[in-house]
Amino acid sequence: MIQHQHWEDSIRILVTDEQHHGSIQVFIPHRTEDKPLDGAADALIYSLWVDEAHRGHEVAKHLMEAAERELKRCGIANVAISWDGRDSPLWVLHWYERLGYEEEALGHQCSTLLKRL
């Protein structure tokens, strides 16, 4: 299921894989000053989640691909995603990189990655 929510300040997209119990969310701001990475990205992917019983079966990859396809349909050229080492293991950062995301902003145990769609 893909749901577009039109908020006053943004468009939010929710992609849900009900069969495998996973979801991902996307934020597309209307205002330039709200864009991720100081405007280098037009949207932000966040809240990727897959039920433990379905992890390791490419559910997350399919959710990411669905979110990226939906962003392309919306005319988005660049998307950002954040990784926080306090909440996610290092392999998640490397997984984002294998999907084509490149680190653009580094912080203490945090990274923001960018991908051109």
N, C-alpha and C. Protein backbone atom coordinates (compact mmCIF):
# COMPACT_ATOMS: atom_id res chain seq x y z
N MET A 1 0.84 -1.17 0.00
CA MET A 1 0.00 0.00 0.00
C MET A 1 0.89 1.24 0.00
N ILE A 2 0.53 2.21 -0.82
CA ILE A 2 1.22 3.49 -0.85
C ILE A 2 0.20 4.58 -0.59
N GLN A 3 0.49 5.39 0.40
CA GLN A 3 -0.44 6.45 0.80
C GLN A 3 0.29 7.79 0.75
N HIS A 4 -0.31 8.76 0.05
CA HIS A 4 0.20 10.12 0.02
C HIS A 4 -0.61 10.96 1.01
N GLN A 5 0.08 11.64 1.88
CA GLN A 5 -0.58 12.53 2.84
C GLN A 5 -0.13 13.95 2.53
N HIS A 6 -1.07 14.84 2.29
CA HIS A 6 -0.76 16.22 1.95
C HIS A 6 -0.91 17.08 3.21
N TRP A 7 0.22 17.49 3.74
CA TRP A 7 0.27 18.32 4.93
C TRP A 7 0.48 19.77 4.49
N GLU A 8 0.29 20.69 5.39
CA GLU A 8 0.47 22.10 5.08
C GLU A 8 1.90 22.40 4.62
N ASP A 9 2.88 21.78 5.25
CA ASP A 9 4.28 22.08 4.97
C ASP A 9 4.99 21.05 4.09
N SER A 10 4.29 19.95 3.76
CA SER A 10 4.99 18.87 3.07
C SER A 10 4.02 17.84 2.50
N ILE A 11 4.60 16.91 1.76
CA ILE A 11 3.91 15.69 1.37
C ILE A 11 4.61 14.57 2.12
N ARG A 12 3.85 13.70 2.73
CA ARG A 12 4.40 12.53 3.39
C ARG A 12 3.90 11.32 2.65
N ILE A 13 4.80 10.39 2.39
CA ILE A 13 4.42 9.16 1.70
C ILE A 13 4.71 7.99 2.63
N LEU A 14 3.72 7.14 2.80
CA LEU A 14 3.86 5.93 3.60
C LEU A 14 3.75 4.73 2.67
N VAL A 15 4.77 3.89 2.69
CA VAL A 15 4.77 2.66 1.91
C VAL A 15 4.72 1.51 2.91
N THR A 16 3.73 0.65 2.78
CA THR A 16 3.55 -0.45 3.71
C THR A 16 3.50 -1.77 2.96
N ASP A 17 4.26 -2.74 3.46
CA ASP A 17 4.20 -4.11 2.95
C ASP A 17 3.46 -4.91 4.02
N GLU A 18 2.16 -5.00 3.85
CA GLU A 18 1.32 -5.64 4.86
C GLU A 18 1.58 -7.14 4.97
N GLN A 19 1.98 -7.74 3.87
CA GLN A 19 2.25 -9.18 3.87
C GLN A 19 3.48 -9.51 4.72
N HIS A 20 4.51 -8.67 4.63
CA HIS A 20 5.74 -8.94 5.36
C HIS A 20 5.95 -8.02 6.56
N HIS A 21 4.94 -7.26 6.89
CA HIS A 21 4.97 -6.44 8.10
C HIS A 21 6.14 -5.45 8.11
N GLY A 22 6.19 -4.63 7.09
CA GLY A 22 7.23 -3.61 7.01
C GLY A 22 6.65 -2.30 6.52
N SER A 23 7.37 -1.21 6.79
CA SER A 23 6.93 0.10 6.31
C SER A 23 8.12 1.04 6.20
N ILE A 24 7.91 2.10 5.44
CA ILE A 24 8.90 3.15 5.26
C ILE A 24 8.14 4.45 5.02
N GLN A 25 8.74 5.56 5.43
CA GLN A 25 8.09 6.84 5.24
C GLN A 25 9.02 7.80 4.51
N VAL A 26 8.41 8.75 3.80
CA VAL A 26 9.14 9.74 3.03
C VAL A 26 8.57 11.12 3.35
N PHE A 27 9.46 12.09 3.44
CA PHE A 27 9.10 13.48 3.70
C PHE A 27 9.57 14.32 2.52
N ILE A 28 8.63 15.02 1.87
CA ILE A 28 8.95 15.93 0.77
C ILE A 28 8.50 17.32 1.21
N PRO A 29 9.43 18.17 1.61
CA PRO A 29 9.04 19.50 2.08
C PRO A 29 8.62 20.42 0.94
N HIS A 30 7.70 21.32 1.23
CA HIS A 30 7.29 22.32 0.25
C HIS A 30 8.28 23.49 0.22
N ARG A 31 8.85 23.81 1.35
CA ARG A 31 9.74 24.97 1.45
C ARG A 31 11.20 24.56 1.25
N THR A 32 11.93 25.33 0.50
CA THR A 32 13.34 25.05 0.22
C THR A 32 14.16 24.96 1.49
N GLU A 33 13.89 25.82 2.45
CA GLU A 33 14.67 25.83 3.69
C GLU A 33 14.46 24.58 4.54
N ASP A 34 13.45 23.78 4.26
CA ASP A 34 13.21 22.55 5.00
C ASP A 34 13.80 21.31 4.33
N LYS A 35 14.44 21.51 3.18
CA LYS A 35 15.01 20.37 2.45
C LYS A 35 16.24 19.84 3.19
N PRO A 36 16.44 18.51 3.16
CA PRO A 36 17.60 17.90 3.83
C PRO A 36 18.92 18.32 3.19
N LEU A 37 19.97 18.24 3.97
CA LEU A 37 21.34 18.53 3.52
C LEU A 37 21.44 19.92 2.89
N ASP A 38 20.84 20.89 3.55
CA ASP A 38 20.88 22.28 3.08
C ASP A 38 20.42 22.42 1.64
N GLY A 39 19.41 21.68 1.27
CA GLY A 39 18.83 21.78 -0.06
C GLY A 39 19.44 20.86 -1.10
N ALA A 40 20.46 20.09 -0.73
CA ALA A 40 21.06 19.15 -1.69
C ALA A 40 20.11 18.00 -2.00
N ALA A 41 19.21 17.71 -1.07
CA ALA A 41 18.21 16.65 -1.28
C ALA A 41 16.82 17.27 -1.31
N ASP A 42 15.96 16.71 -2.13
CA ASP A 42 14.60 17.20 -2.26
C ASP A 42 13.63 16.48 -1.32
N ALA A 43 14.09 15.36 -0.74
CA ALA A 43 13.22 14.55 0.12
C ALA A 43 14.08 13.77 1.11
N LEU A 44 13.42 13.24 2.12
CA LEU A 44 14.09 12.45 3.15
C LEU A 44 13.32 11.15 3.36
N ILE A 45 14.03 10.04 3.31
CA ILE A 45 13.46 8.74 3.65
C ILE A 45 13.75 8.50 5.12
N TYR A 46 12.74 8.03 5.86
CA TYR A 46 12.93 7.77 7.28
C TYR A 46 12.00 6.66 7.76
N SER A 47 12.23 6.22 8.93
CA SER A 47 11.38 5.22 9.61
C SER A 47 11.22 3.92 8.83
N LEU A 48 12.32 3.39 8.34
CA LEU A 48 12.29 2.08 7.71
C LEU A 48 12.18 1.04 8.81
N TRP A 49 11.17 0.17 8.69
CA TRP A 49 10.96 -0.85 9.72
C TRP A 49 10.46 -2.14 9.07
N VAL A 50 11.01 -3.26 9.53
CA VAL A 50 10.57 -4.58 9.10
C VAL A 50 10.44 -5.44 10.35
N ASP A 51 9.36 -6.16 10.45
CA ASP A 51 9.14 -7.07 11.57
C ASP A 51 10.30 -8.07 11.65
N GLU A 52 10.74 -8.35 12.85
CA GLU A 52 11.89 -9.25 13.04
C GLU A 52 11.75 -10.58 12.31
N ALA A 53 10.57 -11.14 12.29
CA ALA A 53 10.35 -12.45 11.66
C ALA A 53 10.58 -12.41 10.15
N HIS A 54 10.57 -11.21 9.56
CA HIS A 54 10.70 -11.10 8.10
C HIS A 54 12.01 -10.43 7.67
N ARG A 55 12.89 -10.16 8.62
CA ARG A 55 14.17 -9.56 8.28
C ARG A 55 15.07 -10.58 7.61
N GLY A 56 15.95 -10.08 6.74
CA GLY A 56 16.87 -10.97 6.03
C GLY A 56 16.27 -11.58 4.77
N HIS A 57 15.09 -11.12 4.37
CA HIS A 57 14.42 -11.65 3.18
C HIS A 57 14.17 -10.56 2.14
N GLU A 58 14.97 -9.51 2.16
CA GLU A 58 14.93 -8.40 1.21
C GLU A 58 13.66 -7.55 1.28
N VAL A 59 12.92 -7.65 2.37
CA VAL A 59 11.73 -6.81 2.53
C VAL A 59 12.13 -5.34 2.57
N ALA A 60 13.17 -5.02 3.34
CA ALA A 60 13.62 -3.63 3.45
C ALA A 60 14.08 -3.10 2.10
N LYS A 61 14.77 -3.92 1.34
CA LYS A 61 15.24 -3.50 0.02
C LYS A 61 14.05 -3.18 -0.89
N HIS A 62 13.02 -4.00 -0.85
CA HIS A 62 11.83 -3.77 -1.67
C HIS A 62 11.10 -2.51 -1.23
N LEU A 63 11.07 -2.25 0.07
CA LEU A 63 10.44 -1.03 0.57
C LEU A 63 11.21 0.20 0.10
N MET A 64 12.54 0.14 0.18
CA MET A 64 13.37 1.25 -0.29
C MET A 64 13.14 1.49 -1.78
N GLU A 65 13.11 0.43 -2.57
CA GLU A 65 12.89 0.56 -4.01
C GLU A 65 11.52 1.16 -4.30
N ALA A 66 10.51 0.74 -3.56
CA ALA A 66 9.17 1.28 -3.76
C ALA A 66 9.13 2.77 -3.40
N ALA A 67 9.79 3.15 -2.31
CA ALA A 67 9.84 4.56 -1.92
C ALA A 67 10.57 5.38 -2.97
N GLU A 68 11.66 4.87 -3.48
CA GLU A 68 12.42 5.59 -4.51
C GLU A 68 11.61 5.73 -5.80
N ARG A 69 10.90 4.69 -6.20
CA ARG A 69 10.04 4.76 -7.40
C ARG A 69 8.97 5.84 -7.22
N GLU A 70 8.39 5.87 -6.03
CA GLU A 70 7.34 6.85 -5.76
C GLU A 70 7.91 8.27 -5.78
N LEU A 71 9.13 8.43 -5.27
CA LEU A 71 9.78 9.74 -5.30
C LEU A 71 10.04 10.18 -6.74
N LYS A 72 10.48 9.26 -7.57
CA LYS A 72 10.71 9.59 -8.99
C LYS A 72 9.41 10.05 -9.64
N ARG A 73 8.30 9.38 -9.31
CA ARG A 73 6.99 9.77 -9.86
C ARG A 73 6.61 11.18 -9.44
N CYS A 74 7.10 11.59 -8.27
CA CYS A 74 6.83 12.94 -7.76
C CYS A 74 7.82 13.97 -8.30
N GLY A 75 8.75 13.54 -9.13
CA GLY A 75 9.72 14.46 -9.71
C GLY A 75 10.91 14.76 -8.83
N ILE A 76 11.16 13.93 -7.84
CA ILE A 76 12.29 14.13 -6.93
C ILE A 76 13.56 13.60 -7.58
N ALA A 77 14.63 14.41 -7.54
CA ALA A 77 15.90 14.04 -8.17
C ALA A 77 16.91 13.50 -7.16
N ASN A 78 16.88 14.01 -5.94
CA ASN A 78 17.86 13.61 -4.91
C ASN A 78 17.15 13.35 -3.59
N VAL A 79 17.54 12.26 -2.95
CA VAL A 79 16.91 11.89 -1.69
C VAL A 79 17.99 11.63 -0.64
N ALA A 80 17.67 11.97 0.59
CA ALA A 80 18.60 11.75 1.70
C ALA A 80 18.02 10.70 2.65
N ILE A 81 18.92 10.09 3.39
CA ILE A 81 18.52 9.17 4.45
C ILE A 81 19.55 9.33 5.57
N SER A 82 19.09 9.25 6.80
CA SER A 82 20.00 9.42 7.93
C SER A 82 20.23 8.08 8.61
N TRP A 83 21.44 7.93 9.11
CA TRP A 83 21.82 6.75 9.89
C TRP A 83 22.33 7.25 11.23
N ASP A 84 21.83 6.66 12.29
CA ASP A 84 22.24 7.03 13.65
C ASP A 84 22.81 5.79 14.33
N GLY A 85 24.10 5.80 14.59
CA GLY A 85 24.78 4.66 15.20
C GLY A 85 24.34 4.36 16.62
N ARG A 86 23.61 5.28 17.24
CA ARG A 86 23.09 5.01 18.59
C ARG A 86 21.88 4.08 18.54
N ASP A 87 21.20 4.07 17.37
CA ASP A 87 19.99 3.26 17.22
C ASP A 87 20.15 2.10 16.24
N SER A 88 21.12 2.22 15.33
CA SER A 88 21.28 1.22 14.27
C SER A 88 22.72 0.73 14.21
N PRO A 89 22.92 -0.55 13.96
CA PRO A 89 24.28 -1.08 13.85
C PRO A 89 24.98 -0.56 12.58
N LEU A 90 26.27 -0.66 12.55
CA LEU A 90 27.09 -0.17 11.44
C LEU A 90 26.74 -0.84 10.12
N TRP A 91 26.31 -2.10 10.17
CA TRP A 91 25.99 -2.79 8.93
C TRP A 91 24.84 -2.11 8.19
N VAL A 92 23.97 -1.39 8.91
CA VAL A 92 22.87 -0.67 8.26
C VAL A 92 23.43 0.45 7.39
N LEU A 93 24.43 1.17 7.90
CA LEU A 93 25.09 2.22 7.13
C LEU A 93 25.69 1.63 5.85
N HIS A 94 26.37 0.51 5.98
CA HIS A 94 26.98 -0.13 4.82
C HIS A 94 25.92 -0.64 3.83
N TRP A 95 24.79 -1.07 4.36
CA TRP A 95 23.68 -1.52 3.51
C TRP A 95 23.14 -0.35 2.69
N TYR A 96 22.97 0.82 3.31
CA TYR A 96 22.54 2.01 2.57
C TYR A 96 23.53 2.32 1.45
N GLU A 97 24.81 2.20 1.75
CA GLU A 97 25.84 2.48 0.76
C GLU A 97 25.74 1.49 -0.41
N ARG A 98 25.46 0.23 -0.14
CA ARG A 98 25.30 -0.76 -1.22
C ARG A 98 24.09 -0.45 -2.10
N LEU A 99 23.11 0.26 -1.52
CA LEU A 99 21.93 0.66 -2.29
C LEU A 99 22.18 1.93 -3.10
N GLY A 100 23.38 2.48 -3.00
CA GLY A 100 23.73 3.65 -3.81
C GLY A 100 23.76 4.97 -3.07
N TYR A 101 23.59 4.94 -1.77
CA TYR A 101 23.64 6.17 -0.97
C TYR A 101 25.09 6.48 -0.60
N GLU A 102 25.43 7.77 -0.64
CA GLU A 102 26.79 8.20 -0.32
C GLU A 102 26.75 9.16 0.85
N GLU A 103 27.70 8.99 1.77
CA GLU A 103 27.77 9.86 2.94
C GLU A 103 28.08 11.29 2.51
N GLU A 104 27.27 12.22 3.00
CA GLU A 104 27.46 13.63 2.69
C GLU A 104 27.73 14.44 3.95
N ALA A 105 27.15 14.06 5.05
CA ALA A 105 27.32 14.80 6.30
C ALA A 105 27.59 13.79 7.41
N LEU A 106 28.65 14.03 8.13
CA LEU A 106 29.04 13.13 9.21
C LEU A 106 28.94 13.85 10.54
N GLY A 107 28.53 13.14 11.53
CA GLY A 107 28.48 13.68 12.89
C GLY A 107 28.96 12.61 13.84
N HIS A 108 28.86 12.89 15.12
CA HIS A 108 29.25 11.90 16.12
C HIS A 108 28.26 10.74 16.07
N GLN A 109 28.69 9.61 15.56
CA GLN A 109 27.90 8.39 15.43
C GLN A 109 26.70 8.54 14.49
N CYS A 110 26.70 9.57 13.65
CA CYS A 110 25.58 9.81 12.75
C CYS A 110 26.11 10.14 11.35
N SER A 111 25.32 9.79 10.35
CA SER A 111 25.64 10.14 8.97
C SER A 111 24.35 10.45 8.24
N THR A 112 24.44 11.38 7.30
CA THR A 112 23.34 11.63 6.37
C THR A 112 23.87 11.29 5.00
N LEU A 113 23.13 10.46 4.30
CA LEU A 113 23.56 9.95 3.01
C LEU A 113 22.64 10.50 1.92
N LEU A 114 23.18 10.61 0.72
CA LEU A 114 22.45 11.18 -0.40
C LEU A 114 22.50 10.22 -1.59
N LYS A 115 21.39 10.19 -2.33
CA LYS A 115 21.34 9.37 -3.55
C LYS A 115 20.65 10.16 -4.63
N ARG A 116 21.25 10.15 -5.81
CA ARG A 116 20.61 10.75 -6.98
C ARG A 116 19.72 9.69 -7.61
N LEU A 117 18.44 10.02 -7.78
CA LEU A 117 17.50 9.07 -8.35
C LEU A 117 17.49 9.19 -9.85
